[in-house]
Structures are given as structure tokens and as C-alpha cells.
């Protein structure tokens, strides 16, 4: 999903004087132009770093569990 970011605004103002039988009327018109662009996507590096760190933690936890299991099996086979 892309985010849209406001990057600039431009205001244009025009004044017109209209003459009527009863007098003059000043009409002030204002236009506001807003310029947008797609926001740059967030860096994926943090996501990759996080995935690598989680994988390392999983591997170390698995190794510890296998080590405990190996020690248990050794104890069972010794008896």
C-alpha cells in the first residue's frame, strides 16, 4: 500500500471589480493547488535484519533443545 505525501501548495489570488448600476463590487477569487507524490516505501533492511535475528534465535534455541534431548537419551542409554 502506497502512502501519498503533500509536498507543496500554491495559492493563486485574483481580484476583479465588477461595475453595477448601484456601485462597484470587488470579487476576490482564491485557488489553492496542492501537489502530492507517492511516499517512498520504507526500507526493507530492518525487516530483513529482524528476520535474520529471529532465525538465529530459533536456531540457537533448537540447538539447546537438541542438546538437552541428547543428554536425556545418553542418560537413558547408560542405565
PDB file of N, CA and C in Angstrom:
ATOM      1  N   UNK A   1       0.834  -1.166   0.000  1.00  0.00           N
ATOM      2  CA  UNK A   1       0.000   0.000   0.000  1.00  0.00           C
ATOM      3  C   UNK A   1       0.882   1.234   0.000  1.00  0.00           C
ATOM      4  N   UNK A   2       0.636   2.140  -0.924  1.00  0.00           N
ATOM      5  CA  UNK A   2       1.443   3.343  -1.034  1.00  0.00           C
ATOM      6  C   UNK A   2       0.790   4.497  -0.293  1.00  0.00           C
ATOM      7  N   UNK A   3       1.608   5.269   0.406  1.00  0.00           N
ATOM      8  CA  UNK A   3       1.124   6.462   1.086  1.00  0.00           C
ATOM      9  C   UNK A   3       1.350   7.660   0.177  1.00  0.00           C
ATOM     10  N   UNK A   4       0.468   8.623   0.286  1.00  0.00           N
ATOM     11  CA  UNK A   4       0.578   9.842  -0.518  1.00  0.00           C
ATOM     12  C   UNK A   4       0.988  10.967   0.410  1.00  0.00           C
ATOM     13  N   UNK A   5       1.967  11.766  -0.036  1.00  0.00           N
ATOM     14  CA  UNK A   5       2.524  12.823   0.804  1.00  0.00           C
ATOM     15  C   UNK A   5       2.347  14.172   0.119  1.00  0.00           C
ATOM     16  N   UNK A   6       1.865  15.157   0.873  1.00  0.00           N
ATOM     17  CA  UNK A   6       1.737  16.528   0.370  1.00  0.00           C
ATOM     18  C   UNK A   6       3.127  17.137   0.318  1.00  0.00           C
ATOM     19  N   UNK A   7       3.544  17.610  -0.867  1.00  0.00           N
ATOM     20  CA  UNK A   7       4.891  18.149  -0.979  1.00  0.00           C
ATOM     21  C   UNK A   7       4.917  19.661  -1.164  1.00  0.00           C
ATOM     22  N   UNK A   8       3.832  20.259  -1.669  1.00  0.00           N
ATOM     23  CA  UNK A   8       3.848  21.703  -1.901  1.00  0.00           C
ATOM     24  C   UNK A   8       2.422  22.207  -2.077  1.00  0.00           C
ATOM     25  N   UNK A   9       2.222  23.477  -1.774  1.00  0.00           N
ATOM     26  CA  UNK A   9       0.944  24.132  -2.044  1.00  0.00           C
ATOM     27  C   UNK A   9       1.227  25.450  -2.743  1.00  0.00           C
ATOM     28  N   UNK A  10       0.301  25.853  -3.568  1.00  0.00           N
ATOM     29  CA  UNK A  10       0.430  27.108  -4.319  1.00  0.00           C
ATOM     30  C   UNK A  10      -0.929  27.811  -4.271  1.00  0.00           C
ATOM     31  N   UNK A  11      -0.916  29.075  -3.875  1.00  0.00           N
ATOM     32  CA  UNK A  11      -2.154  29.848  -3.794  1.00  0.00           C
ATOM     33  C   UNK A  11      -2.141  30.924  -4.870  1.00  0.00           C
ATOM     34  N   UNK A  12      -3.208  30.965  -5.636  1.00  0.00           N
ATOM     35  CA  UNK A  12      -3.363  31.979  -6.688  1.00  0.00           C
ATOM     36  C   UNK A  12      -4.571  32.823  -6.316  1.00  0.00           C
ATOM     37  N   UNK A  13      -4.362  34.129  -6.259  1.00  0.00           N
ATOM     38  CA  UNK A  13      -5.449  35.039  -5.891  1.00  0.00           C
ATOM     39  C   UNK A  13      -5.652  36.057  -7.011  1.00  0.00           C
ATOM     40  N   UNK A  14      -6.900  36.232  -7.415  1.00  0.00           N
ATOM     41  CA  UNK A  14      -7.233  37.231  -8.438  1.00  0.00           C
ATOM     42  C   UNK A  14      -8.329  38.140  -7.890  1.00  0.00           C
ATOM     43  N   UNK A  15      -8.226  39.425  -8.235  1.00  0.00           N
ATOM     44  CA  UNK A  15      -9.222  40.415  -7.825  1.00  0.00           C
ATOM     45  C   UNK A  15      -9.880  40.976  -9.076  1.00  0.00           C
ATOM     46  N   UNK A  16     -11.183  40.940  -9.108  1.00  0.00           N
ATOM     47  CA  UNK A  16     -11.940  41.509 -10.230  1.00  0.00           C
ATOM     48  C   UNK A  16     -12.931  42.528  -9.673  1.00  0.00           C
ATOM     49  N   UNK A  17     -13.059  43.634 -10.381  1.00  0.00           N
ATOM     50  CA  UNK A  17     -14.024  44.655  -9.992  1.00  0.00           C
ATOM     51  C   UNK A  17     -15.124  44.663 -11.040  1.00  0.00           C
ATOM     52  N   UNK A  18     -16.347  44.470 -10.558  1.00  0.00           N
ATOM     53  CA  UNK A  18     -17.495  44.458 -11.464  1.00  0.00           C
ATOM     54  C   UNK A  18     -18.338  45.689 -11.154  1.00  0.00           C
ATOM     55  N   UNK A  19     -18.655  46.418 -12.192  1.00  0.00           N
ATOM     56  CA  UNK A  19     -19.454  47.641 -12.021  1.00  0.00           C
ATOM     57  C   UNK A  19     -20.923  47.353 -12.248  1.00  0.00           C
ATOM     58  N   UNK A  20     -21.753  47.754 -11.294  1.00  0.00           N
ATOM     59  CA  UNK A  20     -23.200  47.651 -11.408  1.00  0.00           C
ATOM     60  C   UNK A  20     -23.783  49.060 -11.333  1.00  0.00           C
ATOM     61  N   UNK A  21     -25.062  49.177 -11.591  1.00  0.00           N
ATOM     62  CA  UNK A  21     -25.714  50.493 -11.525  1.00  0.00           C
ATOM     63  C   UNK A  21     -25.668  51.053 -10.104  1.00  0.00           C
ATOM     64  N   UNK A  22     -25.725  50.175  -9.104  1.00  0.00           N
ATOM     65  CA  UNK A  22     -25.704  50.615  -7.706  1.00  0.00           C
ATOM     66  C   UNK A  22     -24.295  50.877  -7.188  1.00  0.00           C
ATOM     67  N   UNK A  23     -23.287  50.449  -7.905  1.00  0.00           N
ATOM     68  CA  UNK A  23     -21.913  50.655  -7.473  1.00  0.00           C
ATOM     69  C   UNK A  23     -21.019  49.508  -7.939  1.00  0.00           C
ATOM     70  N   UNK A  24     -19.798  49.548  -7.466  1.00  0.00           N
ATOM     71  CA  UNK A  24     -18.817  48.534  -7.848  1.00  0.00           C
ATOM     72  C   UNK A  24     -18.754  47.425  -6.791  1.00  0.00           C
ATOM     73  N   UNK A  25     -18.508  46.229  -7.274  1.00  0.00           N
ATOM     74  CA  UNK A  25     -18.326  45.076  -6.394  1.00  0.00           C
ATOM     75  C   UNK A  25     -16.966  44.458  -6.697  1.00  0.00           C
ATOM     76  N   UNK A  26     -16.198  44.221  -5.648  1.00  0.00           N
ATOM     77  CA  UNK A  26     -14.892  43.570  -5.809  1.00  0.00           C
ATOM     78  C   UNK A  26     -15.052  42.086  -5.506  1.00  0.00           C
ATOM     79  N   UNK A  27     -14.653  41.277  -6.453  1.00  0.00           N
ATOM     80  CA  UNK A  27     -14.717  39.831  -6.302  1.00  0.00           C
ATOM     81  C   UNK A  27     -13.282  39.314  -6.149  1.00  0.00           C
ATOM     82  N   UNK A  28     -13.056  38.650  -5.025  1.00  0.00           N
ATOM     83  CA  UNK A  28     -11.731  38.076  -4.771  1.00  0.00           C
ATOM     84  C   UNK A  28     -11.859  36.568  -4.916  1.00  0.00           C
ATOM     85  N   UNK A  29     -11.058  36.004  -5.828  1.00  0.00           N
ATOM     86  CA  UNK A  29     -11.069  34.552  -6.044  1.00  0.00           C
ATOM     87  C   UNK A  29      -9.722  33.994  -5.596  1.00  0.00           C
ATOM     88  N   UNK A  30      -9.791  32.882  -4.879  1.00  0.00           N
ATOM     89  CA  UNK A  30      -8.580  32.223  -4.417  1.00  0.00           C
ATOM     90  C   UNK A  30      -8.611  30.778  -4.842  1.00  0.00           C
ATOM     91  N   UNK A  31      -7.505  30.324  -5.399  1.00  0.00           N
ATOM     92  CA  UNK A  31      -7.335  28.912  -5.758  1.00  0.00           C
ATOM     93  C   UNK A  31      -6.138  28.373  -4.981  1.00  0.00           C
ATOM     94  N   UNK A  32      -6.324  27.212  -4.414  1.00  0.00           N
ATOM     95  CA  UNK A  32      -5.216  26.547  -3.728  1.00  0.00           C
ATOM     96  C   UNK A  32      -4.914  25.264  -4.479  1.00  0.00           C
ATOM     97  N   UNK A  33      -3.694  25.182  -4.966  1.00  0.00           N
ATOM     98  CA  UNK A  33      -3.242  23.985  -5.680  1.00  0.00           C
ATOM     99  C   UNK A  33      -2.335  23.210  -4.736  1.00  0.00           C
ATOM    100  N   UNK A  34      -2.656  21.946  -4.539  1.00  0.00           N
ATOM    101  CA  UNK A  34      -1.838  21.082  -3.688  1.00  0.00           C
ATOM    102  C   UNK A  34      -1.150  20.042  -4.553  1.00  0.00           C
ATOM    103  N   UNK A  35       0.110  19.843  -4.301  1.00  0.00           N
ATOM    104  CA  UNK A  35       0.902  18.898  -5.070  1.00  0.00           C
ATOM    105  C   UNK A  35       1.280  17.725  -4.176  1.00  0.00           C
ATOM    106  N   UNK A  36       0.982  16.533  -4.663  1.00  0.00           N
ATOM    107  CA  UNK A  36       1.228  15.308  -3.913  1.00  0.00           C
ATOM    108  C   UNK A  36       2.171  14.402  -4.704  1.00  0.00           C
ATOM    109  N   UNK A  37       2.795  13.500  -3.984  1.00  0.00           N
ATOM    110  CA  UNK A  37       3.563  12.431  -4.630  1.00  0.00           C
ATOM    111  C   UNK A  37       3.492  11.200  -3.748  1.00  0.00           C
ATOM    112  N   UNK A  38       3.790  10.082  -4.343  1.00  0.00           N
ATOM    113  CA  UNK A  38       3.810   8.836  -3.571  1.00  0.00           C
ATOM    114  C   UNK A  38       4.998   8.874  -2.624  1.00  0.00           C
ATOM    115  N   UNK A  39       4.749   8.498  -1.394  1.00  0.00           N
ATOM    116  CA  UNK A  39       5.807   8.490  -0.406  1.00  0.00           C
ATOM    117  C   UNK A  39       6.728   7.310  -0.673  1.00  0.00           C
ATOM    118  N   UNK A  40       7.994   7.536  -0.465  1.00  0.00           N
ATOM    119  CA  UNK A  40       8.974   6.478  -0.680  1.00  0.00           C
ATOM    120  C   UNK A  40       8.673   5.310   0.255  1.00  0.00           C
ATOM    121  N   UNK A  41       8.740   4.088  -0.253  1.00  0.00           N
ATOM    122  CA  UNK A  41       8.464   2.944   0.626  1.00  0.00           C
ATOM    123  C   UNK A  41       9.521   2.838   1.716  1.00  0.00           C
ATOM    124  N   UNK A  42       9.122   2.293   2.838  1.00  0.00           N
ATOM    125  CA  UNK A  42      10.046   2.118   3.958  1.00  0.00           C
ATOM    126  C   UNK A  42      11.140   1.126   3.560  1.00  0.00           C
ATOM    127  N   UNK A  43      12.264   1.314   4.153  1.00  0.00           N
ATOM    128  CA  UNK A  43      13.394   0.435   3.861  1.00  0.00           C
ATOM    129  C   UNK A  43      13.085  -0.986   4.317  1.00  0.00           C
ATOM    130  N   UNK A  44      13.444  -1.950   3.500  1.00  0.00           N
ATOM    131  CA  UNK A  44      13.216  -3.355   3.849  1.00  0.00           C
ATOM    132  C   UNK A  44      14.377  -3.922   4.659  1.00  0.00           C
ATOM    133  N   UNK A  45      15.424  -3.155   4.814  1.00  0.00           N
ATOM    134  CA  UNK A  45      16.596  -3.649   5.525  1.00  0.00           C
ATOM    135  C   UNK A  45      16.258  -4.036   6.959  1.00  0.00           C
ATOM    136  N   UNK A  46      15.448  -3.234   7.645  1.00  0.00           N
ATOM    137  CA  UNK A  46      15.099  -3.560   9.025  1.00  0.00           C
ATOM    138  C   UNK A  46      14.303  -4.853   9.096  1.00  0.00           C
ATOM    139  N   UNK A  47      13.446  -5.067   8.126  1.00  0.00           N
ATOM    140  CA  UNK A  47      12.655  -6.290   8.102  1.00  0.00           C
ATOM    141  C   UNK A  47      13.569  -7.496   7.905  1.00  0.00           C
ATOM    142  N   UNK A  48      14.523  -7.372   7.006  1.00  0.00           N
ATOM    143  CA  UNK A  48      15.453  -8.470   6.743  1.00  0.00           C
ATOM    144  C   UNK A  48      16.331  -8.718   7.968  1.00  0.00           C
ATOM    145  N   UNK A  49      16.825  -7.623   8.579  1.00  0.00           N
ATOM    146  CA  UNK A  49      17.641  -7.784   9.786  1.00  0.00           C
ATOM    147  C   UNK A  49      16.847  -8.476  10.891  1.00  0.00           C
ATOM    148  N   UNK A  50      15.590  -8.094  11.038  1.00  0.00           N
ATOM    149  CA  UNK A  50      14.738  -8.711  12.053  1.00  0.00           C
ATOM    150  C   UNK A  50      14.530 -10.190  11.757  1.00  0.00           C
ATOM    151  N   UNK A  51      14.310 -10.534  10.500  1.00  0.00           N
ATOM    152  CA  UNK A  51      14.111 -11.940  10.125  1.00  0.00           C
ATOM    153  C   UNK A  51      15.376 -12.752  10.387  1.00  0.00           C
ATOM    154  N   UNK A  52      16.525 -12.187  10.085  1.00  0.00           N
ATOM    155  CA  UNK A  52      17.785 -12.891  10.331  1.00  0.00           C
ATOM    156  C   UNK A  52      17.987 -13.106  11.825  1.00  0.00           C
ATOM    157  N   UNK A  53      17.699 -12.076  12.613  1.00  0.00           N
ATOM    158  CA  UNK A  53      17.862 -12.200  14.060  1.00  0.00           C
ATOM    159  C   UNK A  53      16.918 -13.253  14.639  1.00  0.00           C
ATOM    160  N   UNK A  54      15.681 -13.287  14.163  1.00  0.00           N
ATOM    161  CA  UNK A  54      14.734 -14.302  14.636  1.00  0.00           C
ATOM    162  C   UNK A  54      15.193 -15.710  14.244  1.00  0.00           C
ATOM    163  N   UNK A  55      15.735 -15.837  13.043  1.00  0.00           N
ATOM    164  CA  UNK A  55      16.231 -17.140  12.593  1.00  0.00           C
ATOM    165  C   UNK A  55      17.398 -17.598  13.465  1.00  0.00           C
ATOM    166  N   UNK A  56      18.304 -16.677  13.779  1.00  0.00           N
ATOM    167  CA  UNK A  56      19.430 -17.025  14.652  1.00  0.00           C
ATOM    168  C   UNK A  56      18.939 -17.463  16.026  1.00  0.00           C
ATOM    169  N   UNK A  57      17.965 -16.741  16.560  1.00  0.00           N
ATOM    170  CA  UNK A  57      17.419 -17.108  17.873  1.00  0.00           C
ATOM    171  C   UNK A  57      16.750 -18.475  17.815  1.00  0.00           C
ATOM    172  N   UNK A  58      16.027 -18.753  16.747  1.00  0.00           N
ATOM    173  CA  UNK A  58      15.362 -20.049  16.595  1.00  0.00           C
ATOM    174  C   UNK A  58      16.395 -21.177  16.527  1.00  0.00           C
ATOM    175  N   UNK A  59      17.450 -20.954  15.752  1.00  0.00           N
ATOM    176  CA  UNK A  59      18.489 -21.981  15.607  1.00  0.00           C
ATOM    177  C   UNK A  59      19.168 -22.237  16.950  1.00  0.00           C
ATOM    178  N   UNK A  60      19.506 -21.180  17.678  1.00  0.00           N
ATOM    179  CA  UNK A  60      20.186 -21.382  18.966  1.00  0.00           C
ATOM    180  C   UNK A  60      19.267 -22.066  19.966  1.00  0.00           C
ATOM    181  N   UNK A  61      17.968 -21.713  19.941  1.00  0.00           N
ATOM    182  CA  UNK A  61      17.015 -22.379  20.834  1.00  0.00           C
ATOM    183  C   UNK A  61      16.870 -23.857  20.460  1.00  0.00           C
ATOM    184  N   UNK A  62      16.807 -24.137  19.155  1.00  0.00           N
ATOM    185  CA  UNK A  62      16.700 -25.528  18.699  1.00  0.00           C
ATOM    186  C   UNK A  62      17.928 -26.322  19.095  1.00  0.00           C
ATOM    187  N   UNK A  63      19.109 -25.726  18.950  1.00  0.00           N
ATOM    188  CA  UNK A  63      20.340 -26.419  19.344  1.00  0.00           C
ATOM    189  C   UNK A  63      20.337 -26.729  20.835  1.00  0.00           C
ATOM    190  N   UNK A  64      19.865 -25.779  21.635  1.00  0.00           N
ATOM    191  CA  UNK A  64      19.816 -26.012  23.084  1.00  0.00           C
ATOM    192  C   UNK A  64      18.847 -27.141  23.412  1.00  0.00           C
ATOM    193  N   UNK A  65      17.703 -27.165  22.730  1.00  0.00           N
ATOM    194  CA  UNK A  65      16.729 -28.225  22.964  1.00  0.00           C
ATOM    195  C   UNK A  65      17.277 -29.580  22.524  1.00  0.00           C
ATOM    196  N   UNK A  66      17.976 -29.625  21.384  1.00  0.00           N
ATOM    197  CA  UNK A  66      18.571 -30.873  20.916  1.00  0.00           C
ATOM    198  C   UNK A  66      19.664 -31.340  21.881  1.00  0.00           C
ATOM    199  N   UNK A  67      20.389 -30.393  22.419  1.00  0.00           N
ATOM    200  CA  UNK A  67      21.439 -30.755  23.377  1.00  0.00           C
ATOM    201  C   UNK A  67      20.821 -31.372  24.619  1.00  0.00           C
ATOM    202  N   UNK A  68      19.725 -30.770  25.112  1.00  0.00           N
ATOM    203  CA  UNK A  68      19.031 -31.343  26.272  1.00  0.00           C
ATOM    204  C   UNK A  68      18.490 -32.730  25.950  1.00  0.00           C
ATOM    205  N   UNK A  69      17.940 -32.901  24.771  1.00  0.00           N
ATOM    206  CA  UNK A  69      17.398 -34.191  24.363  1.00  0.00           C
ATOM    207  C   UNK A  69      18.511 -35.234  24.247  1.00  0.00           C
ATOM    208  N   UNK A  70      19.641 -34.838  23.711  1.00  0.00           N
ATOM    209  CA  UNK A  70      20.787 -35.751  23.576  1.00  0.00           C
ATOM    210  C   UNK A  70      21.286 -36.188  24.943  1.00  0.00           C
ATOM    211  N   UNK A  71      21.352 -35.235  25.886  1.00  0.00           N
ATOM    212  CA  UNK A  71      21.791 -35.582  27.238  1.00  0.00           C
ATOM    213  C   UNK A  71      20.799 -36.536  27.908  1.00  0.00           C
ATOM    214  N   UNK A  72      19.522 -36.315  27.688  1.00  0.00           N
ATOM    215  CA  UNK A  72      18.492 -37.206  28.251  1.00  0.00           C
ATOM    216  C   UNK A  72      18.635 -38.615  27.668  1.00  0.00           C
ATOM    217  N   UNK A  73      18.803 -38.696  26.339  1.00  0.00           N
ATOM    218  CA  UNK A  73      18.964 -40.000  25.690  1.00  0.00           C
ATOM    219  C   UNK A  73      20.222 -40.709  26.192  1.00  0.00           C
ATOM    220  N   UNK A  74      21.303 -39.981  26.401  1.00  0.00           N
ATOM    221  CA  UNK A  74      22.517 -40.587  26.918  1.00  0.00           C
ATOM    222  C   UNK A  74      22.320 -41.142  28.312  1.00  0.00           C
ATOM    223  N   UNK A  75      21.583 -40.386  29.135  1.00  0.00           N
ATOM    224  CA  UNK A  75      21.302 -40.873  30.487  1.00  0.00           C
ATOM    225  C   UNK A  75      20.454 -42.135  30.452  1.00  0.00           C
ATOM    226  N   UNK A  76      19.493 -42.184  29.548  1.00  0.00           N
ATOM    227  CA  UNK A  76      18.622 -43.358  29.443  1.00  0.00           C
ATOM    228  C   UNK A  76      19.379 -44.566  28.924  1.00  0.00           C
ATOM    229  N   UNK A  77      20.310 -44.357  28.023  1.00  0.00           N
ATOM    230  CA  UNK A  77      21.049 -45.476  27.466  1.00  0.00           C
ATOM    231  C   UNK A  77      22.136 -45.980  28.411  1.00  0.00           C
ATOM    232  N   UNK A  78      22.616 -45.157  29.302  1.00  0.00           N
ATOM    233  CA  UNK A  78      23.646 -45.571  30.245  1.00  0.00           C
ATOM    234  C   UNK A  78      23.061 -46.523  31.276  1.00  0.00           C
ATOM    235  N   UNK A  79      21.844 -46.323  31.676  1.00  0.00           N
ATOM    236  CA  UNK A  79      21.224 -47.178  32.696  1.00  0.00           C
ATOM    237  C   UNK A  79      20.867 -48.467  32.138  1.00  0.00           C
TER     238      UNK A  79
END
